[in-house]
Amino acid sequence: MPAVVDTLISAPREDLCLAFANTLAWRGSPVAAESLHDCAALLQWCAAKLGYAGTPLRALDDWAHAQPQEALHLFDLAIAMREALYRIFRAVASGTPVAAPDLAALNYALAEAPRRGELVPAAQGYVWRSAALRPTVPSLLAPVLWSAADLMTRVAPQRVRLCANPKCLWLFVDASKGGTRRWCEMNSCGNRAKAQRHYQKNKKT
């Protein structure tokens, strides 16, 4: 595919890697909820979440339509990276050692990912100028990989949490003042827990 010159990438949030890991939801339920079903969905997620400023991924989308088998392989590798990231940060959240193969997979992808390059002005703030976007996982998911490294090195491990709802198991960064947040979202899993406690209390009475 033709090279895309000067990929501009918005500075990634440190929890962007967790957002990618959470594209498979309700991991503790009998049937998990998958939001990435194919390469097209993966590219749509990247377009929406990774801030490729000025790069709408049209070249990669054209490539995926022209090379469906290669696109399927890219998708499979991206899902494998997602699952490695989930295992890494679930281990961090649980206070257990990260599995060596998962850490090796992240380190390999980081080594193959484009450098952040230089900062350049944008409409709102600044963005990174990086290498041309390529149909590889380290290139496509570079902001996700950068955020994973940033999260592991800059955020206290105890701030990386696993939702206390055993059916949910989303990952999140606890930014609360006291560091006592238990739920991925209070208006979803938190409310479910409150409703369950209320039901059990009334049932006993």
C-alpha atoms as a PDB file:
ATOM      1  CA  MET A   1       0.000   0.000   0.000  1.00  0.00           C
ATOM      2  CA  PRO A   2       1.242   3.563  -0.543  1.00  0.00           C
ATOM      3  CA  ALA A   3       2.920   5.182   2.417  1.00  0.00           C
ATOM      4  CA  VAL A   4       1.029   7.791   4.382  1.00  0.00           C
ATOM      5  CA  VAL A   5       3.393  10.692   5.019  1.00  0.00           C
ATOM      6  CA  ASP A   6       3.594  12.280   8.457  1.00  0.00           C
ATOM      7  CA  THR A   7       1.101  10.425  10.606  1.00  0.00           C
ATOM      8  CA  LEU A   8      -0.110  12.879  13.248  1.00  0.00           C
ATOM      9  CA  ILE A   9      -1.190  11.234  16.488  1.00  0.00           C
ATOM     10  CA  SER A  10      -2.844  12.930  19.444  1.00  0.00           C
ATOM     11  CA  ALA A  11      -1.062  12.380  22.744  1.00  0.00           C
ATOM     12  CA  PRO A  12      -2.581   9.166  24.146  1.00  0.00           C
ATOM     13  CA  ARG A  13      -4.140   8.969  27.588  1.00  0.00           C
ATOM     14  CA  GLU A  14      -2.348   6.601  29.935  1.00  0.00           C
ATOM     15  CA  ASP A  15      -5.489   4.441  30.175  1.00  0.00           C
ATOM     16  CA  LEU A  16      -5.927   4.120  26.402  1.00  0.00           C
ATOM     17  CA  CYS A  17      -4.454   0.621  26.569  1.00  0.00           C
ATOM     18  CA  LEU A  18      -7.167  -0.321  29.063  1.00  0.00           C
ATOM     19  CA  ALA A  19      -9.849   1.046  26.735  1.00  0.00           C
ATOM     20  CA  PHE A  20      -8.484  -1.263  24.055  1.00  0.00           C
ATOM     21  CA  ALA A  21      -8.375  -4.225  26.453  1.00  0.00           C
ATOM     22  CA  ASN A  22     -11.973  -3.457  27.422  1.00  0.00           C
ATOM     23  CA  THR A  23     -13.237  -3.800  23.841  1.00  0.00           C
ATOM     24  CA  LEU A  24     -14.097  -7.306  25.041  1.00  0.00           C
ATOM     25  CA  ALA A  25     -16.598  -6.656  27.820  1.00  0.00           C
ATOM     26  CA  TRP A  26     -18.305  -8.812  30.460  1.00  0.00           C
ATOM     27  CA  ARG A  27     -15.377 -11.217  30.544  1.00  0.00           C
ATOM     28  CA  GLY A  28     -16.748 -12.931  33.638  1.00  0.00           C
ATOM     29  CA  SER A  29     -20.127 -13.637  32.061  1.00  0.00           C
ATOM     30  CA  PRO A  30     -21.053 -16.864  30.287  1.00  0.00           C
ATOM     31  CA  VAL A  31     -20.847 -15.007  26.970  1.00  0.00           C
ATOM     32  CA  ALA A  32     -18.495 -12.027  26.722  1.00  0.00           C
ATOM     33  CA  ALA A  33     -19.505  -8.999  24.663  1.00  0.00           C
ATOM     34  CA  GLU A  34     -17.150  -8.479  21.731  1.00  0.00           C
ATOM     35  CA  SER A  35     -17.069  -5.080  20.045  1.00  0.00           C
ATOM     36  CA  LEU A  36     -14.324  -5.846  17.515  1.00  0.00           C
ATOM     37  CA  HIS A  37     -15.584  -8.478  15.096  1.00  0.00           C
ATOM     38  CA  ASP A  38     -13.371  -7.867  12.079  1.00  0.00           C
ATOM     39  CA  CYS A  39     -10.680  -5.641  10.624  1.00  0.00           C
ATOM     40  CA  ALA A  40     -13.212  -2.995   9.610  1.00  0.00           C
ATOM     41  CA  ALA A  41     -14.380  -2.692  13.225  1.00  0.00           C
ATOM     42  CA  LEU A  42     -10.767  -2.518  14.380  1.00  0.00           C
ATOM     43  CA  LEU A  43     -10.018   0.328  11.971  1.00  0.00           C
ATOM     44  CA  GLN A  44     -13.180   2.147  13.044  1.00  0.00           C
ATOM     45  CA  TRP A  45     -12.089   1.884  16.680  1.00  0.00           C
ATOM     46  CA  CYS A  46      -8.658   3.232  15.757  1.00  0.00           C
ATOM     47  CA  ALA A  47     -10.185   6.117  13.848  1.00  0.00           C
ATOM     48  CA  ALA A  48     -12.432   7.001  16.791  1.00  0.00           C
ATOM     49  CA  LYS A  49     -10.025   6.460  19.685  1.00  0.00           C
ATOM     50  CA  LEU A  50      -6.422   6.844  18.572  1.00  0.00           C
ATOM     51  CA  GLY A  51      -6.504  10.396  17.318  1.00  0.00           C
ATOM     52  CA  TYR A  52      -4.771   9.950  14.002  1.00  0.00           C
ATOM     53  CA  ALA A  53      -5.066  13.655  13.259  1.00  0.00           C
ATOM     54  CA  GLY A  54      -5.397  14.268   9.514  1.00  0.00           C
ATOM     55  CA  THR A  55      -5.203  10.536   8.789  1.00  0.00           C
ATOM     56  CA  PRO A  56      -8.682   8.997   8.355  1.00  0.00           C
ATOM     57  CA  LEU A  57      -7.231   5.529   7.743  1.00  0.00           C
ATOM     58  CA  ARG A  58      -8.586   5.503   4.204  1.00  0.00           C
ATOM     59  CA  ALA A  59      -5.375   3.993   2.849  1.00  0.00           C
ATOM     60  CA  LEU A  60      -5.494   1.173   5.385  1.00  0.00           C
ATOM     61  CA  ASP A  61      -9.190   0.636   4.735  1.00  0.00           C
ATOM     62  CA  ASP A  62      -8.509   0.383   0.984  1.00  0.00           C
ATOM     63  CA  TRP A  63      -5.666  -2.039   1.711  1.00  0.00           C
ATOM     64  CA  ALA A  64      -7.933  -4.204   3.907  1.00  0.00           C
ATOM     65  CA  HIS A  65     -10.536  -4.457   1.140  1.00  0.00           C
ATOM     66  CA  ALA A  66      -7.891  -5.291  -1.461  1.00  0.00           C
ATOM     67  CA  GLN A  67      -6.050  -7.806   0.757  1.00  0.00           C
ATOM     68  CA  PRO A  68      -8.699  -9.589   2.857  1.00  0.00           C
ATOM     69  CA  GLN A  69      -6.444 -12.446   3.992  1.00  0.00           C
ATOM     70  CA  GLU A  70      -3.696 -10.091   5.107  1.00  0.00           C
ATOM     71  CA  ALA A  71      -6.318  -7.921   6.817  1.00  0.00           C
ATOM     72  CA  LEU A  72      -7.655 -10.971   8.681  1.00  0.00           C
ATOM     73  CA  HIS A  73      -4.110 -11.773   9.816  1.00  0.00           C
ATOM     74  CA  LEU A  74      -3.635  -8.190  11.026  1.00  0.00           C
ATOM     75  CA  PHE A  75      -6.920  -8.413  12.918  1.00  0.00           C
ATOM     76  CA  ASP A  76      -5.940 -11.705  14.578  1.00  0.00           C
ATOM     77  CA  LEU A  77      -2.610 -10.247  15.683  1.00  0.00           C
ATOM     78  CA  ALA A  78      -4.341  -7.139  17.052  1.00  0.00           C
ATOM     79  CA  ILE A  79      -6.733  -9.286  19.100  1.00  0.00           C
ATOM     80  CA  ALA A  80      -3.802 -11.329  20.398  1.00  0.00           C
ATOM     81  CA  MET A  81      -2.129  -8.081  21.510  1.00  0.00           C
ATOM     82  CA  ARG A  82      -5.367  -6.958  23.150  1.00  0.00           C
ATOM     83  CA  GLU A  83      -5.531 -10.164  25.167  1.00  0.00           C
ATOM     84  CA  ALA A  84      -1.873  -9.860  26.173  1.00  0.00           C
ATOM     85  CA  LEU A  85      -2.545  -6.313  27.388  1.00  0.00           C
ATOM     86  CA  TYR A  86      -5.564  -7.485  29.348  1.00  0.00           C
ATOM     87  CA  ARG A  87      -3.550 -10.232  31.039  1.00  0.00           C
ATOM     88  CA  ILE A  88      -0.724  -7.787  31.794  1.00  0.00           C
ATOM     89  CA  PHE A  89      -2.925  -5.230  33.492  1.00  0.00           C
ATOM     90  CA  ARG A  90      -5.107  -7.806  35.210  1.00  0.00           C
ATOM     91  CA  ALA A  91      -1.901  -9.098  36.776  1.00  0.00           C
ATOM     92  CA  VAL A  92      -0.903  -5.547  37.732  1.00  0.00           C
ATOM     93  CA  ALA A  93      -4.361  -4.943  39.240  1.00  0.00           C
ATOM     94  CA  SER A  94      -4.129  -8.219  41.163  1.00  0.00           C
ATOM     95  CA  GLY A  95      -0.632  -7.542  42.460  1.00  0.00           C
ATOM     96  CA  THR A  96       0.782 -10.623  40.754  1.00  0.00           C
ATOM     97  CA  PRO A  97       3.801 -10.876  38.435  1.00  0.00           C
ATOM     98  CA  VAL A  98       3.160 -10.235  34.746  1.00  0.00           C
ATOM     99  CA  ALA A  99       3.655 -13.402  32.709  1.00  0.00           C
ATOM    100  CA  ALA A 100       6.988 -13.336  30.889  1.00  0.00           C
ATOM    101  CA  PRO A 101       5.490 -14.160  27.445  1.00  0.00           C
ATOM    102  CA  ASP A 102       3.005 -11.281  27.747  1.00  0.00           C
ATOM    103  CA  LEU A 103       5.692  -8.801  28.773  1.00  0.00           C
ATOM    104  CA  ALA A 104       7.885 -10.067  25.926  1.00  0.00           C
ATOM    105  CA  ALA A 105       5.018  -9.559  23.454  1.00  0.00           C
ATOM    106  CA  LEU A 106       4.547  -5.966  24.623  1.00  0.00           C
ATOM    107  CA  ASN A 107       8.274  -5.244  24.516  1.00  0.00           C
ATOM    108  CA  TYR A 108       8.547  -6.673  21.004  1.00  0.00           C
ATOM    109  CA  ALA A 109       5.614  -4.586  19.781  1.00  0.00           C
ATOM    110  CA  LEU A 110       7.062  -1.464  21.416  1.00  0.00           C
ATOM    111  CA  ALA A 111      10.406  -2.091  19.724  1.00  0.00           C
ATOM    112  CA  GLU A 112       8.654  -2.379  16.352  1.00  0.00           C
ATOM    113  CA  ALA A 113       6.329   0.580  16.909  1.00  0.00           C
ATOM    114  CA  PRO A 114       7.174   3.942  15.345  1.00  0.00           C
ATOM    115  CA  ARG A 115       8.840   6.520  17.538  1.00  0.00           C
ATOM    116  CA  ARG A 116       6.759   9.380  18.848  1.00  0.00           C
ATOM    117  CA  GLY A 117       8.944  11.715  16.823  1.00  0.00           C
ATOM    118  CA  GLU A 118       8.405  15.414  17.383  1.00  0.00           C
ATOM    119  CA  LEU A 119       5.616  17.567  18.765  1.00  0.00           C
ATOM    120  CA  VAL A 120       3.847  19.828  16.288  1.00  0.00           C
ATOM    121  CA  PRO A 121       1.065  22.407  16.792  1.00  0.00           C
ATOM    122  CA  ALA A 122      -2.508  21.330  16.068  1.00  0.00           C
ATOM    123  CA  ALA A 123      -5.948  22.907  16.222  1.00  0.00           C
ATOM    124  CA  GLN A 124      -6.191  22.022  19.900  1.00  0.00           C
ATOM    125  CA  GLY A 125      -2.821  21.784  21.595  1.00  0.00           C
ATOM    126  CA  TYR A 126      -0.081  19.605  20.138  1.00  0.00           C
ATOM    127  CA  VAL A 127       0.191  16.187  18.489  1.00  0.00           C
ATOM    128  CA  TRP A 128       3.007  13.760  17.789  1.00  0.00           C
ATOM    129  CA  ARG A 129       4.473  13.521  14.298  1.00  0.00           C
ATOM    130  CA  SER A 130       5.249   9.868  13.686  1.00  0.00           C
ATOM    131  CA  ALA A 131       6.234   7.534  10.878  1.00  0.00           C
ATOM    132  CA  ALA A 132       3.932   6.535   8.037  1.00  0.00           C
ATOM    133  CA  LEU A 133       1.011   4.360   9.104  1.00  0.00           C
ATOM    134  CA  ARG A 134       1.567   0.747   8.049  1.00  0.00           C
ATOM    135  CA  PRO A 135      -0.638  -2.361   8.118  1.00  0.00           C
ATOM    136  CA  THR A 136       1.100  -3.867  11.151  1.00  0.00           C
ATOM    137  CA  VAL A 137      -0.009  -4.105  14.755  1.00  0.00           C
ATOM    138  CA  PRO A 138       2.929  -2.068  16.157  1.00  0.00           C
ATOM    139  CA  SER A 139       2.223   0.717  13.663  1.00  0.00           C
ATOM    140  CA  LEU A 140      -1.569   0.714  13.856  1.00  0.00           C
ATOM    141  CA  LEU A 141      -1.711   0.384  17.644  1.00  0.00           C
ATOM    142  CA  ALA A 142       1.296   2.545  18.463  1.00  0.00           C
ATOM    143  CA  PRO A 143      -0.667   4.930  20.746  1.00  0.00           C
ATOM    144  CA  VAL A 144      -2.076   1.927  22.623  1.00  0.00           C
ATOM    145  CA  LEU A 145       1.415   0.507  23.108  1.00  0.00           C
ATOM    146  CA  TRP A 146       2.824   3.866  24.194  1.00  0.00           C
ATOM    147  CA  SER A 147       0.041   4.240  26.750  1.00  0.00           C
ATOM    148  CA  ALA A 148       0.710   0.743  28.100  1.00  0.00           C
ATOM    149  CA  ALA A 149       4.351   1.607  28.691  1.00  0.00           C
ATOM    150  CA  ASP A 150       3.391   4.942  30.260  1.00  0.00           C
ATOM    151  CA  LEU A 151       0.816   3.316  32.528  1.00  0.00           C
ATOM    152  CA  MET A 152       3.269   0.675  33.725  1.00  0.00           C
ATOM    153  CA  THR A 153       6.018   3.179  34.463  1.00  0.00           C
ATOM    154  CA  ARG A 154       4.189   6.312  35.617  1.00  0.00           C
ATOM    155  CA  VAL A 155       1.094   5.173  37.514  1.00  0.00           C
ATOM    156  CA  ALA A 156       1.184   3.455  40.909  1.00  0.00           C
ATOM    157  CA  PRO A 157       0.298  -0.216  40.361  1.00  0.00           C
ATOM    158  CA  GLN A 158      -2.392  -0.111  43.049  1.00  0.00           C
ATOM    159  CA  ARG A 159      -4.246   2.498  40.986  1.00  0.00           C
ATOM    160  CA  VAL A 160      -4.831  -0.042  38.197  1.00  0.00           C
ATOM    161  CA  ARG A 161      -8.035  -1.805  39.167  1.00  0.00           C
ATOM    162  CA  LEU A 162     -10.296  -4.629  38.085  1.00  0.00           C
ATOM    163  CA  CYS A 163     -14.025  -3.978  38.348  1.00  0.00           C
ATOM    164  CA  ALA A 164     -15.383  -5.676  41.471  1.00  0.00           C
ATOM    165  CA  ASN A 165     -18.356  -7.015  39.508  1.00  0.00           C
ATOM    166  CA  PRO A 166     -17.247 -10.615  38.792  1.00  0.00           C
ATOM    167  CA  LYS A 167     -19.290 -10.646  35.598  1.00  0.00           C
ATOM    168  CA  CYS A 168     -17.707  -7.443  34.282  1.00  0.00           C
ATOM    169  CA  LEU A 169     -13.959  -7.489  35.029  1.00  0.00           C
ATOM    170  CA  TRP A 170     -13.230  -4.285  33.131  1.00  0.00           C
ATOM    171  CA  LEU A 171      -9.907  -2.633  33.854  1.00  0.00           C
ATOM    172  CA  PHE A 172      -9.666   1.004  34.912  1.00  0.00           C
ATOM    173  CA  VAL A 173      -7.369   3.516  36.560  1.00  0.00           C
ATOM    174  CA  ASP A 174      -8.613   4.576  39.989  1.00  0.00           C
ATOM    175  CA  ALA A 175      -8.150   8.343  40.039  1.00  0.00           C
ATOM    176  CA  SER A 176     -10.317   8.845  43.125  1.00  0.00           C
ATOM    177  CA  LYS A 177      -8.767  10.874  45.949  1.00  0.00           C
ATOM    178  CA  GLY A 178      -8.812   8.032  48.440  1.00  0.00           C
ATOM    179  CA  GLY A 179      -8.028   5.288  45.959  1.00  0.00           C
ATOM    180  CA  THR A 180     -11.113   3.319  46.955  1.00  0.00           C
ATOM    181  CA  ARG A 181     -13.007   3.058  43.682  1.00  0.00           C
ATOM    182  CA  ARG A 182     -14.316  -0.483  43.124  1.00  0.00           C
ATOM    183  CA  TRP A 183     -16.491  -0.267  40.025  1.00  0.00           C
ATOM    184  CA  CYS A 184     -15.702   0.457  36.392  1.00  0.00           C
ATOM    185  CA  GLU A 185     -18.659   2.880  36.371  1.00  0.00           C
ATOM    186  CA  MET A 186     -20.862   3.761  39.323  1.00  0.00           C
ATOM    187  CA  ASN A 187     -23.916   4.167  37.074  1.00  0.00           C
ATOM    188  CA  SER A 188     -23.557   0.616  35.744  1.00  0.00           C
ATOM    189  CA  CYS A 189     -21.796  -1.978  37.882  1.00  0.00           C
ATOM    190  CA  GLY A 190     -21.943   0.205  41.003  1.00  0.00           C
ATOM    191  CA  ASN A 191     -25.709   0.612  40.711  1.00  0.00           C
ATOM    192  CA  ARG A 192     -26.135  -3.097  40.046  1.00  0.00           C
ATOM    193  CA  ALA A 193     -24.265  -3.871  43.267  1.00  0.00           C
ATOM    194  CA  LYS A 194     -26.394  -1.394  45.225  1.00  0.00           C
ATOM    195  CA  ALA A 195     -29.577  -2.885  43.779  1.00  0.00           C
ATOM    196  CA  GLN A 196     -28.400  -6.397  44.652  1.00  0.00           C
ATOM    197  CA  ARG A 197     -27.606  -5.397  48.255  1.00  0.00           C
ATOM    198  CA  HIS A 198     -31.016  -3.729  48.546  1.00  0.00           C
ATOM    199  CA  TYR A 199     -32.716  -6.856  47.204  1.00  0.00           C
ATOM    200  CA  GLN A 200     -30.865  -9.138  49.615  1.00  0.00           C
ATOM    201  CA  LYS A 201     -31.656  -6.845  52.558  1.00  0.00           C
ATOM    202  CA  ASN A 202     -35.382  -6.776  51.762  1.00  0.00           C
ATOM    203  CA  LYS A 203     -35.391 -10.521  51.129  1.00  0.00           C
ATOM    204  CA  LYS A 204     -34.120 -11.165  54.659  1.00  0.00           C
ATOM    205  CA  THR A 205     -36.774  -8.959  56.170  1.00  0.00           C
END
